[in-house]
Each structure stands twice: as C-alpha cells, then as structure tokens.
C-alpha cells in the first residue's frame, strides 16, 4: 500500500541533517525519497548485511533509495 498523498513524501530526520561537506553518506532508511540535496554524492544504502553504493542523478529524483539496492541474491545453477 502506498503512502497517502496528503502526508507528502518521507524523509528520514538523519537525511535532513546532512551537510554538503562530505561526498558520501551511509543511510539505513531505504524508504526515504531521493531529493536534489543528494545529487552527485555517493550514498551507501544498507541492505541488511552490507552497504551498496548508489550514485543519484537527475533521473533518480523522486525515487526511493531502496529501489536501487537489491536485497535478494540471484542464484546461478551449476551444470
């Protein structure tokens, strides 16, 4: 179920405090929206047991961080 429109988009309080001095950040909030503040920075998104690098650009605006970090591994069959 999606978030109701009258509430607006979700941003973690930790992400609102991000300064522009660093070029990378570690975040645990996969359901936060990518805003223009995060463009051209390296974001390490937590996947449960490791972090994955995400490089947000203009085409990623409005998407959630969790959409770019796959949590399930693809198993290859051996022949």
PDB file of N, CA and C in Angstrom:
ATOM      1  N   UNK A   1       0.835  -1.166   0.000  1.00  0.00           N
ATOM      2  CA  UNK A   1       0.000   0.000   0.000  1.00  0.00           C
ATOM      3  C   UNK A   1       0.891   1.243   0.000  1.00  0.00           C
ATOM      4  N   UNK A   2       0.537   2.224  -0.773  1.00  0.00           N
ATOM      5  CA  UNK A   2       1.368   3.420  -0.887  1.00  0.00           C
ATOM      6  C   UNK A   2       1.011   4.437   0.198  1.00  0.00           C
ATOM      7  N   UNK A   3       1.869   5.408   0.357  1.00  0.00           N
ATOM      8  CA  UNK A   3       1.672   6.461   1.355  1.00  0.00           C
ATOM      9  C   UNK A   3       0.621   7.435   0.843  1.00  0.00           C
ATOM     10  N   UNK A   4      -0.253   7.929   1.722  1.00  0.00           N
ATOM     11  CA  UNK A   4      -1.317   8.830   1.304  1.00  0.00           C
ATOM     12  C   UNK A   4      -0.736  10.170   0.831  1.00  0.00           C
ATOM     13  N   UNK A   5      -1.392  10.788  -0.120  1.00  0.00           N
ATOM     14  CA  UNK A   5      -0.874  11.997  -0.757  1.00  0.00           C
ATOM     15  C   UNK A   5      -0.849  13.199   0.186  1.00  0.00           C
ATOM     16  N   UNK A   6      -1.791  13.291   1.116  1.00  0.00           N
ATOM     17  CA  UNK A   6      -1.829  14.462   1.991  1.00  0.00           C
ATOM     18  C   UNK A   6      -0.664  14.480   2.980  1.00  0.00           C
ATOM     19  N   UNK A   7      -0.029  13.337   3.214  1.00  0.00           N
ATOM     20  CA  UNK A   7       1.124  13.292   4.112  1.00  0.00           C
ATOM     21  C   UNK A   7       2.398  13.772   3.433  1.00  0.00           C
ATOM     22  N   UNK A   8       2.466  13.665   2.139  1.00  0.00           N
ATOM     23  CA  UNK A   8       3.677  14.054   1.425  1.00  0.00           C
ATOM     24  C   UNK A   8       4.702  12.932   1.411  1.00  0.00           C
ATOM     25  N   UNK A   9       5.896  13.210   0.911  1.00  0.00           N
ATOM     26  CA  UNK A   9       6.923  12.178   0.815  1.00  0.00           C
ATOM     27  C   UNK A   9       7.644  12.027   2.154  1.00  0.00           C
ATOM     28  N   UNK A  10       8.323  10.899   2.332  1.00  0.00           N
ATOM     29  CA  UNK A  10       9.012  10.602   3.583  1.00  0.00           C
ATOM     30  C   UNK A  10      10.494  10.900   3.452  1.00  0.00           C
ATOM     31  N   UNK A  11      11.040  11.618   4.417  1.00  0.00           N
ATOM     32  CA  UNK A  11      12.474  11.852   4.530  1.00  0.00           C
ATOM     33  C   UNK A  11      12.871  11.553   5.971  1.00  0.00           C
ATOM     34  N   UNK A  12      13.876  10.757   6.156  1.00  0.00           N
ATOM     35  CA  UNK A  12      14.375  10.468   7.485  1.00  0.00           C
ATOM     36  C   UNK A  12      14.981  11.726   8.099  1.00  0.00           C
ATOM     37  N   UNK A  13      14.872  11.873   9.411  1.00  0.00           N
ATOM     38  CA  UNK A  13      15.431  13.047  10.084  1.00  0.00           C
ATOM     39  C   UNK A  13      16.948  13.092   9.926  1.00  0.00           C
ATOM     40  N   UNK A  14      17.559  11.918   9.858  1.00  0.00           N
ATOM     41  CA  UNK A  14      19.012  11.843   9.669  1.00  0.00           C
ATOM     42  C   UNK A  14      19.410  12.439   8.320  1.00  0.00           C
ATOM     43  N   UNK A  15      18.609  12.201   7.284  1.00  0.00           N
ATOM     44  CA  UNK A  15      18.937  12.708   5.947  1.00  0.00           C
ATOM     45  C   UNK A  15      18.739  14.213   5.843  1.00  0.00           C
ATOM     46  N   UNK A  16      17.865  14.772   6.657  1.00  0.00           N
ATOM     47  CA  UNK A  16      17.644  16.220   6.622  1.00  0.00           C
ATOM     48  C   UNK A  16      18.820  16.980   7.217  1.00  0.00           C
ATOM     49  N   UNK A  17      19.585  16.327   8.097  1.00  0.00           N
ATOM     50  CA  UNK A  17      20.719  16.968   8.749  1.00  0.00           C
ATOM     51  C   UNK A  17      22.014  16.859   7.957  1.00  0.00           C
ATOM     52  N   UNK A  18      21.981  16.218   6.805  1.00  0.00           N
ATOM     53  CA  UNK A  18      23.185  16.004   6.009  1.00  0.00           C
ATOM     54  C   UNK A  18      23.741  17.344   5.527  1.00  0.00           C
ATOM     55  N   UNK A  19      25.009  17.540   5.760  1.00  0.00           N
ATOM     56  CA  UNK A  19      25.669  18.761   5.281  1.00  0.00           C
ATOM     57  C   UNK A  19      26.281  18.492   3.907  1.00  0.00           C
ATOM     58  N   UNK A  20      26.689  19.530   3.248  1.00  0.00           N
ATOM     59  CA  UNK A  20      27.241  19.383   1.899  1.00  0.00           C
ATOM     60  C   UNK A  20      28.759  19.234   1.909  1.00  0.00           C
ATOM     61  N   UNK A  21      29.370  19.032   3.069  1.00  0.00           N
ATOM     62  CA  UNK A  21      30.819  18.933   3.136  1.00  0.00           C
ATOM     63  C   UNK A  21      31.323  17.564   2.707  1.00  0.00           C
ATOM     64  N   UNK A  22      30.615  16.510   3.059  1.00  0.00           N
ATOM     65  CA  UNK A  22      31.057  15.163   2.709  1.00  0.00           C
ATOM     66  C   UNK A  22      30.568  14.791   1.312  1.00  0.00           C
ATOM     67  N   UNK A  23      31.259  13.860   0.685  1.00  0.00           N
ATOM     68  CA  UNK A  23      30.842  13.386  -0.629  1.00  0.00           C
ATOM     69  C   UNK A  23      30.154  12.030  -0.557  1.00  0.00           C
ATOM     70  N   UNK A  24      30.124  11.398   0.621  1.00  0.00           N
ATOM     71  CA  UNK A  24      29.454  10.112   0.747  1.00  0.00           C
ATOM     72  C   UNK A  24      28.727  10.056   2.088  1.00  0.00           C
ATOM     73  N   UNK A  25      27.664   9.239   2.140  1.00  0.00           N
ATOM     74  CA  UNK A  25      26.878   9.075   3.346  1.00  0.00           C
ATOM     75  C   UNK A  25      26.430   7.633   3.459  1.00  0.00           C
ATOM     76  N   UNK A  26      26.316   7.136   4.679  1.00  0.00           N
ATOM     77  CA  UNK A  26      25.733   5.827   4.933  1.00  0.00           C
ATOM     78  C   UNK A  26      24.326   6.052   5.457  1.00  0.00           C
ATOM     79  N   UNK A  27      23.345   5.397   4.825  1.00  0.00           N
ATOM     80  CA  UNK A  27      21.973   5.548   5.284  1.00  0.00           C
ATOM     81  C   UNK A  27      21.356   4.175   5.500  1.00  0.00           C
ATOM     82  N   UNK A  28      20.443   4.108   6.445  1.00  0.00           N
ATOM     83  CA  UNK A  28      19.725   2.882   6.748  1.00  0.00           C
ATOM     84  C   UNK A  28      18.258   3.004   6.341  1.00  0.00           C
ATOM     85  N   UNK A  29      17.806   4.176   5.981  1.00  0.00           N
ATOM     86  CA  UNK A  29      16.413   4.426   5.634  1.00  0.00           C
ATOM     87  C   UNK A  29      16.200   4.217   4.136  1.00  0.00           C
ATOM     88  N   UNK A  30      15.800   2.995   3.772  1.00  0.00           N
ATOM     89  CA  UNK A  30      15.594   2.667   2.357  1.00  0.00           C
ATOM     90  C   UNK A  30      14.317   3.273   1.802  1.00  0.00           C
ATOM     91  N   UNK A  31      13.396   3.683   2.668  1.00  0.00           N
ATOM     92  CA  UNK A  31      12.115   4.209   2.189  1.00  0.00           C
ATOM     93  C   UNK A  31      12.097   5.729   2.058  1.00  0.00           C
ATOM     94  N   UNK A  32      13.241   6.380   2.204  1.00  0.00           N
ATOM     95  CA  UNK A  32      13.329   7.835   2.020  1.00  0.00           C
ATOM     96  C   UNK A  32      13.452   8.173   0.536  1.00  0.00           C
ATOM     97  N   UNK A  33      12.916   9.328   0.184  1.00  0.00           N
ATOM     98  CA  UNK A  33      12.919   9.792  -1.201  1.00  0.00           C
ATOM     99  C   UNK A  33      14.246  10.483  -1.519  1.00  0.00           C
ATOM    100  N   UNK A  34      14.742  10.294  -2.733  1.00  0.00           N
ATOM    101  CA  UNK A  34      15.955  10.977  -3.194  1.00  0.00           C
ATOM    102  C   UNK A  34      15.580  12.408  -3.575  1.00  0.00           C
ATOM    103  N   UNK A  35      16.219  13.372  -2.942  1.00  0.00           N
ATOM    104  CA  UNK A  35      15.945  14.778  -3.234  1.00  0.00           C
ATOM    105  C   UNK A  35      17.143  15.402  -3.955  1.00  0.00           C
ATOM    106  N   UNK A  36      16.997  16.659  -4.324  1.00  0.00           N
ATOM    107  CA  UNK A  36      18.067  17.333  -5.058  1.00  0.00           C
ATOM    108  C   UNK A  36      19.304  17.546  -4.186  1.00  0.00           C
ATOM    109  N   UNK A  37      19.162  17.453  -2.881  1.00  0.00           N
ATOM    110  CA  UNK A  37      20.284  17.599  -1.959  1.00  0.00           C
ATOM    111  C   UNK A  37      21.274  16.426  -2.092  1.00  0.00           C
ATOM    112  N   UNK A  38      20.790  15.284  -2.564  1.00  0.00           N
ATOM    113  CA  UNK A  38      21.613  14.082  -2.658  1.00  0.00           C
ATOM    114  C   UNK A  38      22.278  13.889  -4.020  1.00  0.00           C
ATOM    115  N   UNK A  39      22.041  14.788  -4.959  1.00  0.00           N
ATOM    116  CA  UNK A  39      22.606  14.622  -6.298  1.00  0.00           C
ATOM    117  C   UNK A  39      24.124  14.755  -6.270  1.00  0.00           C
ATOM    118  N   UNK A  40      24.779  13.977  -7.125  1.00  0.00           N
ATOM    119  CA  UNK A  40      26.237  13.985  -7.305  1.00  0.00           C
ATOM    120  C   UNK A  40      26.996  13.658  -6.022  1.00  0.00           C
ATOM    121  N   UNK A  41      26.427  12.838  -5.184  1.00  0.00           N
ATOM    122  CA  UNK A  41      27.088  12.339  -3.987  1.00  0.00           C
ATOM    123  C   UNK A  41      27.009  10.812  -3.998  1.00  0.00           C
ATOM    124  N   UNK A  42      27.868  10.177  -3.248  1.00  0.00           N
ATOM    125  CA  UNK A  42      27.843   8.723  -3.140  1.00  0.00           C
ATOM    126  C   UNK A  42      27.051   8.379  -1.884  1.00  0.00           C
ATOM    127  N   UNK A  43      26.010   7.578  -2.047  1.00  0.00           N
ATOM    128  CA  UNK A  43      25.171   7.169  -0.929  1.00  0.00           C
ATOM    129  C   UNK A  43      25.349   5.672  -0.743  1.00  0.00           C
ATOM    130  N   UNK A  44      25.694   5.257   0.469  1.00  0.00           N
ATOM    131  CA  UNK A  44      25.817   3.843   0.797  1.00  0.00           C
ATOM    132  C   UNK A  44      24.514   3.414   1.454  1.00  0.00           C
ATOM    133  N   UNK A  45      23.717   2.597   0.758  1.00  0.00           N
ATOM    134  CA  UNK A  45      22.411   2.157   1.235  1.00  0.00           C
ATOM    135  C   UNK A  45      22.575   0.811   1.923  1.00  0.00           C
ATOM    136  N   UNK A  46      22.026   0.691   3.125  1.00  0.00           N
ATOM    137  CA  UNK A  46      22.155  -0.544   3.907  1.00  0.00           C
ATOM    138  C   UNK A  46      21.185  -1.587   3.377  1.00  0.00           C
ATOM    139  N   UNK A  47      21.690  -2.803   3.119  1.00  0.00           N
ATOM    140  CA  UNK A  47      20.875  -3.885   2.566  1.00  0.00           C
ATOM    141  C   UNK A  47      20.569  -4.978   3.580  1.00  0.00           C
ATOM    142  N   UNK A  48      20.891  -4.779   4.817  1.00  0.00           N
ATOM    143  CA  UNK A  48      20.633  -5.778   5.839  1.00  0.00           C
ATOM    144  C   UNK A  48      21.906  -6.360   6.395  1.00  0.00           C
ATOM    145  N   UNK A  49      22.861  -6.676   5.532  1.00  0.00           N
ATOM    146  CA  UNK A  49      24.144  -7.198   5.999  1.00  0.00           C
ATOM    147  C   UNK A  49      25.338  -6.473   5.376  1.00  0.00           C
ATOM    148  N   UNK A  50      25.095  -5.628   4.403  1.00  0.00           N
ATOM    149  CA  UNK A  50      26.175  -4.882   3.758  1.00  0.00           C
ATOM    150  C   UNK A  50      25.606  -3.591   3.184  1.00  0.00           C
ATOM    151  N   UNK A  51      26.487  -2.755   2.690  1.00  0.00           N
ATOM    152  CA  UNK A  51      26.089  -1.495   2.069  1.00  0.00           C
ATOM    153  C   UNK A  51      26.349  -1.563   0.570  1.00  0.00           C
ATOM    154  N   UNK A  52      25.475  -0.903  -0.202  1.00  0.00           N
ATOM    155  CA  UNK A  52      25.658  -0.823  -1.641  1.00  0.00           C
ATOM    156  C   UNK A  52      25.758   0.644  -2.038  1.00  0.00           C
ATOM    157  N   UNK A  53      26.685   0.955  -2.924  1.00  0.00           N
ATOM    158  CA  UNK A  53      26.867   2.334  -3.383  1.00  0.00           C
ATOM    159  C   UNK A  53      25.786   2.698  -4.391  1.00  0.00           C
ATOM    160  N   UNK A  54      25.203   3.878  -4.209  1.00  0.00           N
ATOM    161  CA  UNK A  54      24.223   4.426  -5.144  1.00  0.00           C
ATOM    162  C   UNK A  54      24.702   5.813  -5.535  1.00  0.00           C
ATOM    163  N   UNK A  55      24.695   6.097  -6.836  1.00  0.00           N
ATOM    164  CA  UNK A  55      25.107   7.393  -7.358  1.00  0.00           C
ATOM    165  C   UNK A  55      23.874   8.107  -7.915  1.00  0.00           C
ATOM    166  N   UNK A  56      23.135   8.857  -7.099  1.00  0.00           N
ATOM    167  CA  UNK A  56      21.912   9.507  -7.597  1.00  0.00           C
ATOM    168  C   UNK A  56      22.214  10.608  -8.617  1.00  0.00           C
ATOM    169  N   UNK A  57      21.401  10.651  -9.666  1.00  0.00           N
ATOM    170  CA  UNK A  57      21.490  11.732 -10.644  1.00  0.00           C
ATOM    171  C   UNK A  57      20.085  12.281 -10.889  1.00  0.00           C
ATOM    172  N   UNK A  58      19.920  13.150 -11.857  1.00  0.00           N
ATOM    173  CA  UNK A  58      18.631  13.805 -12.078  1.00  0.00           C
ATOM    174  C   UNK A  58      17.513  12.821 -12.407  1.00  0.00           C
ATOM    175  N   UNK A  59      17.830  11.736 -13.050  1.00  0.00           N
ATOM    176  CA  UNK A  59      16.785  10.772 -13.403  1.00  0.00           C
ATOM    177  C   UNK A  59      16.296   9.982 -12.193  1.00  0.00           C
ATOM    178  N   UNK A  60      17.019  10.014 -11.072  1.00  0.00           N
ATOM    179  CA  UNK A  60      16.625   9.288  -9.866  1.00  0.00           C
ATOM    180  C   UNK A  60      15.773  10.119  -8.915  1.00  0.00           C
ATOM    181  N   UNK A  61      15.569  11.398  -9.188  1.00  0.00           N
ATOM    182  CA  UNK A  61      14.802  12.259  -8.291  1.00  0.00           C
ATOM    183  C   UNK A  61      13.383  11.718  -8.117  1.00  0.00           C
ATOM    184  N   UNK A  62      12.927  11.655  -6.865  1.00  0.00           N
ATOM    185  CA  UNK A  62      11.577  11.182  -6.579  1.00  0.00           C
ATOM    186  C   UNK A  62      11.481   9.694  -6.306  1.00  0.00           C
ATOM    187  N   UNK A  63      12.523   8.941  -6.613  1.00  0.00           N
ATOM    188  CA  UNK A  63      12.532   7.512  -6.316  1.00  0.00           C
ATOM    189  C   UNK A  63      13.018   7.287  -4.893  1.00  0.00           C
ATOM    190  N   UNK A  64      12.836   6.073  -4.391  1.00  0.00           N
ATOM    191  CA  UNK A  64      13.303   5.739  -3.050  1.00  0.00           C
ATOM    192  C   UNK A  64      14.678   5.089  -3.134  1.00  0.00           C
ATOM    193  N   UNK A  65      15.461   5.233  -2.058  1.00  0.00           N
ATOM    194  CA  UNK A  65      16.800   4.653  -2.032  1.00  0.00           C
ATOM    195  C   UNK A  65      16.748   3.135  -2.146  1.00  0.00           C
ATOM    196  N   UNK A  66      15.737   2.509  -1.597  1.00  0.00           N
ATOM    197  CA  UNK A  66      15.627   1.062  -1.608  1.00  0.00           C
ATOM    198  C   UNK A  66      15.416   0.468  -2.984  1.00  0.00           C
ATOM    199  N   UNK A  67      14.983   1.261  -3.935  1.00  0.00           N
ATOM    200  CA  UNK A  67      14.752   0.752  -5.289  1.00  0.00           C
ATOM    201  C   UNK A  67      16.054   0.457  -6.026  1.00  0.00           C
ATOM    202  N   UNK A  68      17.158   0.991  -5.546  1.00  0.00           N
ATOM    203  CA  UNK A  68      18.439   0.801  -6.222  1.00  0.00           C
ATOM    204  C   UNK A  68      19.338  -0.201  -5.519  1.00  0.00           C
ATOM    205  N   UNK A  69      18.874  -0.767  -4.424  1.00  0.00           N
ATOM    206  CA  UNK A  69      19.656  -1.773  -3.710  1.00  0.00           C
ATOM    207  C   UNK A  69      18.897  -3.087  -3.657  1.00  0.00           C
ATOM    208  N   UNK A  70      19.299  -4.042  -4.469  1.00  0.00           N
ATOM    209  CA  UNK A  70      18.624  -5.337  -4.482  1.00  0.00           C
ATOM    210  C   UNK A  70      19.033  -6.131  -3.242  1.00  0.00           C
ATOM    211  N   UNK A  71      18.062  -6.698  -2.549  1.00  0.00           N
ATOM    212  CA  UNK A  71      18.351  -7.427  -1.322  1.00  0.00           C
ATOM    213  C   UNK A  71      18.405  -8.938  -1.541  1.00  0.00           C
ATOM    214  N   UNK A  72      17.920  -9.409  -2.645  1.00  0.00           N
ATOM    215  CA  UNK A  72      17.919 -10.848  -2.902  1.00  0.00           C
ATOM    216  C   UNK A  72      19.009 -11.204  -3.909  1.00  0.00           C
ATOM    217  N   UNK A  73      19.746 -12.235  -3.589  1.00  0.00           N
ATOM    218  CA  UNK A  73      20.823 -12.671  -4.474  1.00  0.00           C
ATOM    219  C   UNK A  73      20.252 -13.568  -5.564  1.00  0.00           C
ATOM    220  N   UNK A  74      20.794 -13.468  -6.743  1.00  0.00           N
ATOM    221  CA  UNK A  74      20.398 -14.320  -7.860  1.00  0.00           C
ATOM    222  C   UNK A  74      21.265 -15.564  -7.834  1.00  0.00           C
ATOM    223  N   UNK A  75      20.632 -16.710  -7.708  1.00  0.00           N
ATOM    224  CA  UNK A  75      21.366 -17.964  -7.640  1.00  0.00           C
ATOM    225  C   UNK A  75      21.550 -18.520  -9.049  1.00  0.00           C
ATOM    226  N   UNK A  76      22.778 -18.871  -9.355  1.00  0.00           N
ATOM    227  CA  UNK A  76      23.079 -19.467 -10.659  1.00  0.00           C
ATOM    228  C   UNK A  76      23.145 -20.973 -10.515  1.00  0.00           C
ATOM    229  N   UNK A  77      22.549 -21.649 -11.470  1.00  0.00           N
ATOM    230  CA  UNK A  77      22.560 -23.110 -11.443  1.00  0.00           C
ATOM    231  C   UNK A  77      23.840 -23.638 -12.078  1.00  0.00           C
ATOM    232  N   UNK A  78      24.420 -24.618 -11.441  1.00  0.00           N
ATOM    233  CA  UNK A  78      25.631 -25.238 -11.996  1.00  0.00           C
ATOM    234  C   UNK A  78      25.227 -26.391 -12.891  1.00  0.00           C
ATOM    235  N   UNK A  79      25.953 -26.570 -13.988  1.00  0.00           N
ATOM    236  CA  UNK A  79      25.683 -27.682 -14.909  1.00  0.00           C
ATOM    237  C   UNK A  79      26.779 -28.692 -14.841  1.00  0.00           C
TER     238      UNK A  79
END
